[in-house]
C-alpha atoms as a PDB file:
ATOM      1  CA  MET A   1      40.816  49.183  92.924  1.00  0.00           C
ATOM      2  CA  THR A   2      42.820  50.324  89.912  1.00  0.00           C
ATOM      3  CA  GLU A   3      46.522  51.092  89.905  1.00  0.00           C
ATOM      4  CA  ASP A   4      45.737  54.786  89.384  1.00  0.00           C
ATOM      5  CA  LEU A   5      43.500  54.973  92.442  1.00  0.00           C
ATOM      6  CA  GLN A   6      45.943  53.038  94.637  1.00  0.00           C
ATOM      7  CA  PHE A   7      48.703  55.403  93.554  1.00  0.00           C
ATOM      8  CA  ALA A   8      46.584  58.460  94.348  1.00  0.00           C
ATOM      9  CA  LEU A   9      45.679  57.075  97.774  1.00  0.00           C
ATOM     10  CA  ASP A  10      49.281  56.265  98.655  1.00  0.00           C
ATOM     11  CA  THR A  11      50.484  59.638  97.424  1.00  0.00           C
ATOM     12  CA  SER A  12      47.805  61.580  99.294  1.00  0.00           C
ATOM     13  CA  ARG A  13      48.756  59.773 102.512  1.00  0.00           C
ATOM     14  CA  LYS A  14      52.424  60.635 102.122  1.00  0.00           C
ATOM     15  CA  ALA A  15      51.592  64.266 101.345  1.00  0.00           C
ATOM     16  CA  GLY A  16      49.192  64.311 104.285  1.00  0.00           C
ATOM     17  CA  GLU A  17      51.908  63.098 106.644  1.00  0.00           C
ATOM     18  CA  LEU A  18      54.127  65.905 105.395  1.00  0.00           C
ATOM     19  CA  THR A  19      51.462  68.539 106.087  1.00  0.00           C
ATOM     20  CA  LEU A  20      51.015  67.240 109.633  1.00  0.00           C
ATOM     21  CA  SER A  21      54.665  68.015 110.338  1.00  0.00           C
ATOM     22  CA  PHE A  22      53.761  71.702 109.811  1.00  0.00           C
ATOM     23  CA  PHE A  23      50.238  71.663 111.272  1.00  0.00           C
ATOM     24  CA  ARG A  24      49.822  73.884 114.355  1.00  0.00           C
ATOM     25  CA  SER A  25      53.490  74.838 114.200  1.00  0.00           C
ATOM     26  CA  LYS A  26      54.177  78.253 115.739  1.00  0.00           C
ATOM     27  CA  SER A  27      56.969  78.779 113.205  1.00  0.00           C
ATOM     28  CA  LEU A  28      54.791  78.102 110.124  1.00  0.00           C
ATOM     29  CA  LYS A  29      55.749  80.514 107.351  1.00  0.00           C
ATOM     30  CA  VAL A  30      52.761  82.101 105.590  1.00  0.00           C
ATOM     31  CA  ASP A  31      52.973  84.213 102.423  1.00  0.00           C
ATOM     32  CA  ALA A  32      50.378  86.041 100.337  1.00  0.00           C
ATOM     33  CA  LYS A  33      49.902  85.121  96.672  1.00  0.00           C
ATOM     34  CA  ARG A  34      49.107  87.584  93.903  1.00  0.00           C
ATOM     35  CA  ASP A  35      45.379  87.176  94.503  1.00  0.00           C
ATOM     36  CA  ASP A  36      45.974  87.920  98.207  1.00  0.00           C
ATOM     37  CA  THR A  37      45.122  84.371  99.281  1.00  0.00           C
ATOM     38  CA  PRO A  38      47.527  82.714 101.736  1.00  0.00           C
ATOM     39  CA  VAL A  39      50.044  79.999 100.935  1.00  0.00           C
ATOM     40  CA  THR A  40      52.356  78.191 103.350  1.00  0.00           C
ATOM     41  CA  GLU A  41      55.582  76.256 103.039  1.00  0.00           C
ATOM     42  CA  ALA A  42      53.487  73.159 103.723  1.00  0.00           C
ATOM     43  CA  ASP A  43      51.390  73.828 100.573  1.00  0.00           C
ATOM     44  CA  ARG A  44      54.500  74.082  98.440  1.00  0.00           C
ATOM     45  CA  LYS A  45      56.349  71.123  99.891  1.00  0.00           C
ATOM     46  CA  ALA A  46      53.278  68.881  99.689  1.00  0.00           C
ATOM     47  CA  GLU A  47      52.714  69.741  96.032  1.00  0.00           C
ATOM     48  CA  GLU A  48      56.396  69.164  95.278  1.00  0.00           C
ATOM     49  CA  LEU A  49      56.120  65.698  96.852  1.00  0.00           C
ATOM     50  CA  ILE A  50      53.003  64.820  94.840  1.00  0.00           C
ATOM     51  CA  ARG A  51      54.486  66.102  91.581  1.00  0.00           C
ATOM     52  CA  SER A  52      57.703  64.174  92.126  1.00  0.00           C
ATOM     53  CA  ARG A  53      55.836  60.899  92.634  1.00  0.00           C
ATOM     54  CA  ILE A  54      53.642  61.462  89.557  1.00  0.00           C
ATOM     55  CA  GLU A  55      56.618  62.343  87.351  1.00  0.00           C
ATOM     56  CA  LYS A  56      58.363  59.154  88.436  1.00  0.00           C
ATOM     57  CA  ALA A  57      55.349  56.827  88.104  1.00  0.00           C
ATOM     58  CA  PHE A  58      53.628  58.409  85.075  1.00  0.00           C
ATOM     59  CA  PRO A  59      56.199  60.501  83.182  1.00  0.00           C
ATOM     60  CA  GLU A  60      53.906  60.984  80.149  1.00  0.00           C
ATOM     61  CA  ASP A  61      51.013  62.421  82.191  1.00  0.00           C
ATOM     62  CA  GLY A  62      50.272  66.098  82.633  1.00  0.00           C
ATOM     63  CA  ILE A  63      50.127  67.790  86.039  1.00  0.00           C
ATOM     64  CA  PHE A  64      48.095  70.845  87.042  1.00  0.00           C
ATOM     65  CA  GLY A  65      48.547  72.118  90.583  1.00  0.00           C
ATOM     66  CA  GLU A  66      47.522  75.172  92.545  1.00  0.00           C
ATOM     67  CA  GLU A  67      51.032  76.204  93.550  1.00  0.00           C
ATOM     68  CA  PHE A  68      53.221  75.313  90.557  1.00  0.00           C
ATOM     69  CA  GLY A  69      50.949  75.561  87.535  1.00  0.00           C
ATOM     70  CA  ASP A  70      50.550  73.328  84.503  1.00  0.00           C
ATOM     71  CA  LYS A  71      52.928  70.716  83.149  1.00  0.00           C
ATOM     72  CA  ILE A  72      51.827  69.589  79.688  1.00  0.00           C
ATOM     73  CA  GLY A  73      51.712  65.829  79.209  1.00  0.00           C
ATOM     74  CA  ARG A  74      51.641  63.546  76.172  1.00  0.00           C
ATOM     75  CA  SER A  75      49.268  60.799  77.343  1.00  0.00           C
ATOM     76  CA  GLY A  76      45.903  62.586  77.361  1.00  0.00           C
ATOM     77  CA  ARG A  77      45.828  62.213  81.153  1.00  0.00           C
ATOM     78  CA  ARG A  78      46.304  65.002  83.679  1.00  0.00           C
ATOM     79  CA  TRP A  79      46.632  64.898  87.457  1.00  0.00           C
ATOM     80  CA  ILE A  80      45.036  67.911  89.157  1.00  0.00           C
ATOM     81  CA  LEU A  81      46.293  68.785  92.623  1.00  0.00           C
ATOM     82  CA  ASP A  82      45.403  70.913  95.588  1.00  0.00           C
ATOM     83  CA  PRO A  83      48.053  70.120  98.212  1.00  0.00           C
ATOM     84  CA  ILE A  84      46.100  71.852 100.978  1.00  0.00           C
ATOM     85  CA  ASP A  85      42.491  72.765 100.297  1.00  0.00           C
ATOM     86  CA  GLY A  86      41.426  74.961 103.175  1.00  0.00           C
ATOM     87  CA  THR A  87      44.724  76.736 103.763  1.00  0.00           C
ATOM     88  CA  ARG A  88      43.073  79.241 106.088  1.00  0.00           C
ATOM     89  CA  SER A  89      41.821  76.358 108.237  1.00  0.00           C
ATOM     90  CA  PHE A  90      45.315  74.876 108.183  1.00  0.00           C
ATOM     91  CA  ILE A  91      46.894  78.156 109.261  1.00  0.00           C
ATOM     92  CA  HIS A  92      44.467  78.504 112.166  1.00  0.00           C
ATOM     93  CA  GLY A  93      45.022  74.954 113.386  1.00  0.00           C
ATOM     94  CA  VAL A  94      41.554  73.756 112.328  1.00  0.00           C
ATOM     95  CA  PRO A  95      41.719  70.111 111.135  1.00  0.00           C
ATOM     96  CA  LEU A  96      39.204  70.515 108.270  1.00  0.00           C
ATOM     97  CA  TYR A  97      41.792  70.882 105.491  1.00  0.00           C
ATOM     98  CA  GLY A  98      42.279  68.290 102.766  1.00  0.00           C
ATOM     99  CA  VAL A  99      44.974  67.002 100.435  1.00  0.00           C
ATOM    100  CA  MET A 100      43.279  66.532  97.058  1.00  0.00           C
ATOM    101  CA  ILE A 101      44.350  64.563  93.990  1.00  0.00           C
ATOM    102  CA  GLY A 102      42.191  64.062  90.902  1.00  0.00           C
ATOM    103  CA  LEU A 103      42.851  62.375  87.569  1.00  0.00           C
ATOM    104  CA  GLU A 104      41.374  63.940  84.423  1.00  0.00           C
ATOM    105  CA  VAL A 105      41.107  61.995  81.151  1.00  0.00           C
ATOM    106  CA  GLU A 106      39.764  63.717  78.024  1.00  0.00           C
ATOM    107  CA  ARG A 107      38.566  66.647  80.205  1.00  0.00           C
ATOM    108  CA  GLU A 108      36.440  64.378  82.402  1.00  0.00           C
ATOM    109  CA  MET A 109      37.295  63.449  85.969  1.00  0.00           C
ATOM    110  CA  LEU A 110      38.099  59.758  86.332  1.00  0.00           C
ATOM    111  CA  LEU A 111      38.899  59.602  90.042  1.00  0.00           C
ATOM    112  CA  GLY A 112      39.341  61.745  93.116  1.00  0.00           C
ATOM    113  CA  VAL A 113      40.988  61.374  96.524  1.00  0.00           C
ATOM    114  CA  VAL A 114      40.384  63.791  99.407  1.00  0.00           C
ATOM    115  CA  ASN A 115      42.548  63.110 102.458  1.00  0.00           C
ATOM    116  CA  PHE A 116      41.988  64.834 105.812  1.00  0.00           C
ATOM    117  CA  PRO A 117      45.259  63.995 107.595  1.00  0.00           C
ATOM    118  CA  ALA A 118      44.414  65.744 110.868  1.00  0.00           C
ATOM    119  CA  LEU A 119      41.070  63.896 111.060  1.00  0.00           C
ATOM    120  CA  GLY A 120      42.335  60.486 109.974  1.00  0.00           C
ATOM    121  CA  GLU A 121      39.702  60.358 107.217  1.00  0.00           C
ATOM    122  CA  ILE A 122      40.299  59.701 103.543  1.00  0.00           C
ATOM    123  CA  PHE A 123      37.552  59.828 100.909  1.00  0.00           C
ATOM    124  CA  TYR A 124      37.858  58.496  97.390  1.00  0.00           C
ATOM    125  CA  GLY A 125      35.808  57.683  94.346  1.00  0.00           C
ATOM    126  CA  GLU A 126      36.477  56.289  90.893  1.00  0.00           C
ATOM    127  CA  ARG A 127      34.191  56.188  87.885  1.00  0.00           C
ATOM    128  CA  ASP A 128      31.798  53.228  88.161  1.00  0.00           C
ATOM    129  CA  GLY A 129      33.584  52.047  91.297  1.00  0.00           C
ATOM    130  CA  GLY A 130      31.624  53.726  94.080  1.00  0.00           C
ATOM    131  CA  ALA A 131      32.730  56.146  96.789  1.00  0.00           C
ATOM    132  CA  PHE A 132      34.377  55.304 100.092  1.00  0.00           C
ATOM    133  CA  ARG A 133      35.560  56.763 103.400  1.00  0.00           C
ATOM    134  CA  ASN A 134      38.384  54.835 105.064  1.00  0.00           C
ATOM    135  CA  GLY A 135      37.461  51.799 102.983  1.00  0.00           C
ATOM    136  CA  GLU A 136      33.744  51.816 103.765  1.00  0.00           C
ATOM    137  CA  ARG A 137      31.225  52.651 101.052  1.00  0.00           C
ATOM    138  CA  ILE A 138      29.400  55.955 101.448  1.00  0.00           C
ATOM    139  CA  THR A 139      26.225  57.363  99.934  1.00  0.00           C
ATOM    140  CA  VAL A 140      24.475  60.700  99.955  1.00  0.00           C
ATOM    141  CA  SER A 141      21.348  61.195 102.047  1.00  0.00           C
ATOM    142  CA  GLY A 142      17.818  60.712 100.741  1.00  0.00           C
ATOM    143  CA  ILE A 143      16.338  63.880 102.254  1.00  0.00           C
ATOM    144  CA  ALA A 144      14.130  65.577  99.662  1.00  0.00           C
ATOM    145  CA  ASP A 145      12.530  68.356 101.726  1.00  0.00           C
ATOM    146  CA  ARG A 146      14.667  71.479 101.585  1.00  0.00           C
ATOM    147  CA  ARG A 147      13.198  72.560 104.937  1.00  0.00           C
ATOM    148  CA  LYS A 148      14.912  69.542 106.499  1.00  0.00           C
ATOM    149  CA  ALA A 149      18.165  69.968 104.600  1.00  0.00           C
ATOM    150  CA  THR A 150      21.571  70.957 105.934  1.00  0.00           C
ATOM    151  CA  VAL A 151      23.380  73.399 103.639  1.00  0.00           C
ATOM    152  CA  VAL A 152      27.082  74.138 104.133  1.00  0.00           C
ATOM    153  CA  PHE A 153      29.099  76.877 102.472  1.00  0.00           C
ATOM    154  CA  THR A 154      32.624  78.324 102.221  1.00  0.00           C
ATOM    155  CA  GLU A 155      32.529  82.008 101.279  1.00  0.00           C
ATOM    156  CA  LYS A 156      30.818  84.489 103.584  1.00  0.00           C
ATOM    157  CA  GLU A 157      29.356  86.095 100.463  1.00  0.00           C
ATOM    158  CA  TYR A 158      26.896  83.222 100.268  1.00  0.00           C
ATOM    159  CA  LEU A 159      25.166  84.710 103.304  1.00  0.00           C
ATOM    160  CA  LEU A 160      26.012  88.388 102.866  1.00  0.00           C
ATOM    161  CA  ASP A 161      25.319  88.997  99.172  1.00  0.00           C
ATOM    162  CA  PRO A 162      21.843  90.351  98.370  1.00  0.00           C
ATOM    163  CA  LEU A 163      19.459  87.447  97.895  1.00  0.00           C
ATOM    164  CA  SER A 164      19.170  86.532  94.227  1.00  0.00           C
ATOM    165  CA  ASP A 165      16.617  84.468  92.323  1.00  0.00           C
ATOM    166  CA  HIS A 166      19.167  81.704  91.744  1.00  0.00           C
ATOM    167  CA  PRO A 167      17.752  78.507  93.304  1.00  0.00           C
ATOM    168  CA  VAL A 168      21.040  77.703  95.068  1.00  0.00           C
ATOM    169  CA  ASP A 169      21.146  81.141  96.695  1.00  0.00           C
ATOM    170  CA  ARG A 170      17.546  80.812  97.836  1.00  0.00           C
ATOM    171  CA  LEU A 171      18.491  77.760  99.880  1.00  0.00           C
ATOM    172  CA  ARG A 172      20.050  79.948 102.562  1.00  0.00           C
ATOM    173  CA  ASP A 173      16.538  81.036 103.568  1.00  0.00           C
ATOM    174  CA  GLU A 174      14.775  77.759 102.818  1.00  0.00           C
ATOM    175  CA  ALA A 175      17.035  75.159 104.437  1.00  0.00           C
ATOM    176  CA  GLY A 176      16.553  73.893 107.957  1.00  0.00           C
ATOM    177  CA  LEU A 177      20.235  74.335 108.891  1.00  0.00           C
ATOM    178  CA  VAL A 178      22.898  76.519 107.242  1.00  0.00           C
ATOM    179  CA  ARG A 179      26.487  76.224 108.471  1.00  0.00           C
ATOM    180  CA  GLY A 180      29.925  77.382 107.364  1.00  0.00           C
ATOM    181  CA  TRP A 181      31.615  73.983 107.153  1.00  0.00           C
ATOM    182  CA  GLY A 182      33.334  74.819 103.918  1.00  0.00           C
ATOM    183  CA  ASP A 183      36.040  73.926 101.419  1.00  0.00           C
ATOM    184  CA  CYS A 184      36.384  70.258 100.486  1.00  0.00           C
ATOM    185  CA  TYR A 185      35.157  69.200 103.937  1.00  0.00           C
ATOM    186  CA  GLY A 186      31.671  70.483 103.185  1.00  0.00           C
ATOM    187  CA  HIS A 187      31.479  68.546  99.923  1.00  0.00           C
ATOM    188  CA  MET A 188      32.579  65.360 101.679  1.00  0.00           C
ATOM    189  CA  LEU A 189      29.818  65.904 104.246  1.00  0.00           C
ATOM    190  CA  VAL A 190      27.392  65.742 101.327  1.00  0.00           C
ATOM    191  CA  ALA A 191      29.064  62.657  99.842  1.00  0.00           C
ATOM    192  CA  SER A 192      28.813  60.813 103.161  1.00  0.00           C
ATOM    193  CA  GLY A 193      25.193  61.784 103.850  1.00  0.00           C
ATOM    194  CA  ARG A 194      25.894  64.228 106.696  1.00  0.00           C
ATOM    195  CA  ALA A 195      24.745  67.307 104.771  1.00  0.00           C
ATOM    196  CA  GLU A 196      22.478  67.722 101.758  1.00  0.00           C
ATOM    197  CA  VAL A 197      24.077  70.618  99.855  1.00  0.00           C
ATOM    198  CA  ALA A 198      27.540  72.228  99.790  1.00  0.00           C
ATOM    199  CA  VAL A 199      28.012  75.576  98.055  1.00  0.00           C
ATOM    200  CA  ASP A 200      31.160  77.297  96.787  1.00  0.00           C
ATOM    201  CA  LYS A 201      30.520  80.426  94.754  1.00  0.00           C
ATOM    202  CA  ILE A 202      34.187  80.792  93.776  1.00  0.00           C
ATOM    203  CA  MET A 203      36.190  77.753  92.602  1.00  0.00           C
ATOM    204  CA  SER A 204      39.263  76.862  90.553  1.00  0.00           C
ATOM    205  CA  PRO A 205      39.765  73.546  88.744  1.00  0.00           C
ATOM    206  CA  TRP A 206      42.002  72.184  91.508  1.00  0.00           C
ATOM    207  CA  ASP A 207      39.264  72.921  94.057  1.00  0.00           C
ATOM    208  CA  CYS A 208      36.751  70.787  92.123  1.00  0.00           C
ATOM    209  CA  ALA A 209      38.767  68.018  90.518  1.00  0.00           C
ATOM    210  CA  ALA A 210      38.898  65.499  93.362  1.00  0.00           C
ATOM    211  CA  VAL A 211      35.484  66.443  94.766  1.00  0.00           C
ATOM    212  CA  ILE A 212      33.290  65.632  91.760  1.00  0.00           C
ATOM    213  CA  PRO A 213      34.173  61.907  91.422  1.00  0.00           C
ATOM    214  CA  VAL A 214      33.589  61.279  95.129  1.00  0.00           C
ATOM    215  CA  VAL A 215      30.221  63.054  95.266  1.00  0.00           C
ATOM    216  CA  THR A 216      28.889  61.574  92.033  1.00  0.00           C
ATOM    217  CA  GLU A 217      30.029  58.045  92.863  1.00  0.00           C
ATOM    218  CA  ALA A 218      28.270  58.433  96.229  1.00  0.00           C
ATOM    219  CA  GLY A 219      25.033  58.995  94.293  1.00  0.00           C
ATOM    220  CA  GLY A 220      25.042  62.775  94.443  1.00  0.00           C
ATOM    221  CA  LEU A 221      25.254  65.561  91.895  1.00  0.00           C
ATOM    222  CA  SER A 222      27.990  68.152  91.426  1.00  0.00           C
ATOM    223  CA  PHE A 223      27.469  71.126  89.131  1.00  0.00           C
ATOM    224  CA  ASP A 224      28.360  74.774  88.723  1.00  0.00           C
ATOM    225  CA  TYR A 225      25.993  77.739  89.022  1.00  0.00           C
ATOM    226  CA  ASN A 226      24.964  77.188  85.385  1.00  0.00           C
ATOM    227  CA  GLY A 227      24.028  73.561  86.038  1.00  0.00           C
ATOM    228  CA  GLN A 228      27.041  72.024  84.269  1.00  0.00           C
ATOM    229  CA  THR A 229      29.180  69.220  85.724  1.00  0.00           C
ATOM    230  CA  THR A 230      32.597  70.726  85.093  1.00  0.00           C
ATOM    231  CA  ILE A 231      35.732  71.773  86.955  1.00  0.00           C
ATOM    232  CA  TYR A 232      36.004  74.838  84.710  1.00  0.00           C
ATOM    233  CA  GLY A 233      32.711  76.538  85.555  1.00  0.00           C
ATOM    234  CA  GLN A 234      31.375  79.177  87.919  1.00  0.00           C
ATOM    235  CA  GLY A 235      31.557  77.830  91.454  1.00  0.00           C
ATOM    236  CA  LEU A 236      30.550  74.345  92.552  1.00  0.00           C
ATOM    237  CA  VAL A 237      27.443  72.897  94.165  1.00  0.00           C
ATOM    238  CA  SER A 238      27.334  69.363  95.544  1.00  0.00           C
ATOM    239  CA  ALA A 239      23.953  67.939  96.511  1.00  0.00           C
ATOM    240  CA  ASN A 240      22.160  64.713  97.243  1.00  0.00           C
ATOM    241  CA  HIS A 241      20.111  63.386  94.359  1.00  0.00           C
ATOM    242  CA  PRO A 242      16.597  64.578  95.297  1.00  0.00           C
ATOM    243  CA  ILE A 243      17.532  68.175  96.118  1.00  0.00           C
ATOM    244  CA  GLY A 244      20.219  68.360  93.432  1.00  0.00           C
ATOM    245  CA  SER A 245      17.783  67.231  90.739  1.00  0.00           C
ATOM    246  CA  GLU A 246      15.290  69.872  91.848  1.00  0.00           C
ATOM    247  CA  LEU A 247      17.949  72.571  91.790  1.00  0.00           C
ATOM    248  CA  LEU A 248      19.036  71.559  88.289  1.00  0.00           C
ATOM    249  CA  ASP A 249      15.443  71.665  87.063  1.00  0.00           C
ATOM    250  CA  HIS A 250      15.059  75.224  88.379  1.00  0.00           C
ATOM    251  CA  ILE A 251      18.411  76.318  86.938  1.00  0.00           C
ATOM    252  CA  ALA A 252      17.418  74.931  83.537  1.00  0.00           C
END
């Protein structure tokens, strides 16, 4: 395990402990951001903690977080943060929220950590180092038949929008099981072989950054609706290798 990954793991645990001090609190303060999405004091305090640790350990590195924007670095490295992915789950006392930290080098994701403090599960992956959950190696499933696949999604639009010809959208009618286990939790279900496809039609870089290294190091594929592996694209799809490869062929 590299120094960078150990740092990200330690930092995600500390931030996770902080979020638990607010989780299911009746006095939790919730505000609305400009895009009308919710943000809590736990989101802000957790990102402040992560930023402070990065600035102390890696002062030359950039930082890009959901709550406090972009700090330009001088090293060619950038830490991308989502202090609470699944804020709506967090607000409603549902334990499927994650603290996410990713490290980007030359616009490619080097590592990702996704910590679920309320579940006691932490996922991580680093380029060429494999993917793990609580220290045990994980892999995606080998299911190739879409009729036997489990597809999970975040936005209700995935089910409610008129059916399109896009191969990812067609899965909602073709898959054996379709469930709304969304946000980063859904993508980690794919990485650990408990679902075959996770779909997010709307994503920001901080939503994708930590997810992609874990899924790909687990043997899966992560790509946007145009078939590109990027944190800057349109949405994000994570899939096991057989179904993901088929989807990419159809997209191409």
